[in-house]
Amino acid sequence: MIKWLLHRIKGDKIIWLLIFSLAVVGLLAIYSASSALSFRQVGENTEYYMLTHIIQLIMGFGVMYVVHLLNYR
């Protein structure tokens, strides 16, 4: 799967790796910072803010992938 993904992604692989790494660090930061707030506001679901952030990241990566396929010339 990783080889297929690396074959499909054009452009600089290091930039893609940096973007993915920053997204993972952001997820960890959101989860650690918002679990208590989420428990007070939402109730039982302490992963509420993390799940909304994951959905936003998936949509963002989807837009980035589609845009990187466009011919810019």
C-alpha atoms as a PDB file:
ATOM      1  CA  MET A   1       0.000   0.000   0.000  1.00  0.00           C
ATOM      2  CA  ILE A   2       2.798   2.436   0.845  1.00  0.00           C
ATOM      3  CA  LYS A   3       4.625   1.686  -2.419  1.00  0.00           C
ATOM      4  CA  TRP A   4       1.369   2.213  -4.348  1.00  0.00           C
ATOM      5  CA  LEU A   5       0.812   5.514  -2.547  1.00  0.00           C
ATOM      6  CA  LEU A   6       4.378   6.702  -3.156  1.00  0.00           C
ATOM      7  CA  HIS A   7       4.031   5.771  -6.824  1.00  0.00           C
ATOM      8  CA  ARG A   8       0.769   7.766  -7.176  1.00  0.00           C
ATOM      9  CA  ILE A   9       2.009  10.929  -5.440  1.00  0.00           C
ATOM     10  CA  LYS A  10       3.859  13.304  -7.708  1.00  0.00           C
ATOM     11  CA  GLY A  11       6.093  16.103  -6.522  1.00  0.00           C
ATOM     12  CA  ASP A  12       8.460  16.302  -3.604  1.00  0.00           C
ATOM     13  CA  LYS A  13       8.005  13.328  -1.287  1.00  0.00           C
ATOM     14  CA  ILE A  14       9.720  15.141   1.590  1.00  0.00           C
ATOM     15  CA  ILE A  15       7.149  17.943   1.524  1.00  0.00           C
ATOM     16  CA  TRP A  16       4.332  15.369   1.597  1.00  0.00           C
ATOM     17  CA  LEU A  17       6.050  13.626   4.521  1.00  0.00           C
ATOM     18  CA  LEU A  18       6.392  16.920   6.398  1.00  0.00           C
ATOM     19  CA  ILE A  19       2.724  17.767   5.868  1.00  0.00           C
ATOM     20  CA  PHE A  20       1.669  14.332   7.092  1.00  0.00           C
ATOM     21  CA  SER A  21       4.001  14.568  10.107  1.00  0.00           C
ATOM     22  CA  LEU A  22       2.633  17.984  11.062  1.00  0.00           C
ATOM     23  CA  ALA A  23      -0.901  16.621  10.760  1.00  0.00           C
ATOM     24  CA  VAL A  24      -0.068  13.769  13.165  1.00  0.00           C
ATOM     25  CA  VAL A  25       1.553  16.161  15.651  1.00  0.00           C
ATOM     26  CA  GLY A  26      -1.511  18.399  15.388  1.00  0.00           C
ATOM     27  CA  LEU A  27      -3.795  15.457  16.136  1.00  0.00           C
ATOM     28  CA  LEU A  28      -1.793  14.591  19.235  1.00  0.00           C
ATOM     29  CA  ALA A  29      -1.848  18.205  20.407  1.00  0.00           C
ATOM     30  CA  ILE A  30      -5.600  18.537  19.852  1.00  0.00           C
ATOM     31  CA  TYR A  31      -6.323  15.303  21.699  1.00  0.00           C
ATOM     32  CA  SER A  32      -4.161  16.143  24.700  1.00  0.00           C
ATOM     33  CA  ALA A  33      -5.388  19.726  24.968  1.00  0.00           C
ATOM     34  CA  SER A  34      -9.103  19.215  24.458  1.00  0.00           C
ATOM     35  CA  SER A  35     -10.038  15.963  26.185  1.00  0.00           C
ATOM     36  CA  ALA A  36     -11.054  17.636  29.465  1.00  0.00           C
ATOM     37  CA  LEU A  37     -12.899  20.435  27.659  1.00  0.00           C
ATOM     38  CA  SER A  38     -14.695  17.921  25.482  1.00  0.00           C
ATOM     39  CA  PHE A  39     -15.740  15.866  28.504  1.00  0.00           C
ATOM     40  CA  ARG A  40     -17.271  18.939  30.158  1.00  0.00           C
ATOM     41  CA  GLN A  41     -19.068  20.234  27.063  1.00  0.00           C
ATOM     42  CA  VAL A  42     -20.067  17.136  25.106  1.00  0.00           C
ATOM     43  CA  GLY A  43     -20.290  14.520  27.845  1.00  0.00           C
ATOM     44  CA  GLU A  44     -19.060  11.000  27.382  1.00  0.00           C
ATOM     45  CA  ASN A  45     -17.320  11.503  24.035  1.00  0.00           C
ATOM     46  CA  THR A  46     -13.866  12.840  24.914  1.00  0.00           C
ATOM     47  CA  GLU A  47     -12.657  12.391  21.333  1.00  0.00           C
ATOM     48  CA  TYR A  48     -15.177  14.857  19.859  1.00  0.00           C
ATOM     49  CA  TYR A  49     -12.682  17.569  18.887  1.00  0.00           C
ATOM     50  CA  MET A  50     -10.148  15.041  17.676  1.00  0.00           C
ATOM     51  CA  LEU A  51     -12.720  13.355  15.422  1.00  0.00           C
ATOM     52  CA  THR A  52     -13.809  16.673  13.929  1.00  0.00           C
ATOM     53  CA  HIS A  53     -10.144  17.511  13.318  1.00  0.00           C
ATOM     54  CA  ILE A  54      -9.595  14.122  11.634  1.00  0.00           C
ATOM     55  CA  ILE A  55     -12.540  14.786   9.322  1.00  0.00           C
ATOM     56  CA  GLN A  56     -11.129  18.201   8.449  1.00  0.00           C
ATOM     57  CA  LEU A  57      -7.687  16.676   7.811  1.00  0.00           C
ATOM     58  CA  ILE A  58      -9.136  14.016   5.507  1.00  0.00           C
ATOM     59  CA  MET A  59     -11.000  16.672   3.524  1.00  0.00           C
ATOM     60  CA  GLY A  60      -7.862  18.823   3.381  1.00  0.00           C
ATOM     61  CA  PHE A  61      -5.678  15.952   2.188  1.00  0.00           C
ATOM     62  CA  GLY A  62      -8.327  15.129  -0.423  1.00  0.00           C
ATOM     63  CA  VAL A  63      -8.295  18.694  -1.738  1.00  0.00           C
ATOM     64  CA  MET A  64      -4.488  18.740  -1.739  1.00  0.00           C
ATOM     65  CA  TYR A  65      -4.363  15.465  -3.688  1.00  0.00           C
ATOM     66  CA  VAL A  66      -6.854  16.668  -6.306  1.00  0.00           C
ATOM     67  CA  VAL A  67      -5.080  20.012  -6.703  1.00  0.00           C
ATOM     68  CA  HIS A  68      -1.678  18.374  -7.081  1.00  0.00           C
ATOM     69  CA  LEU A  69      -3.055  16.310  -9.980  1.00  0.00           C
ATOM     70  CA  LEU A  70      -4.033  19.447 -11.935  1.00  0.00           C
ATOM     71  CA  ASN A  71      -1.787  20.584 -14.745  1.00  0.00           C
ATOM     72  CA  TYR A  72      -0.577  24.047 -13.746  1.00  0.00           C
ATOM     73  CA  ARG A  73       0.709  24.994 -17.200  1.00  0.00           C
END
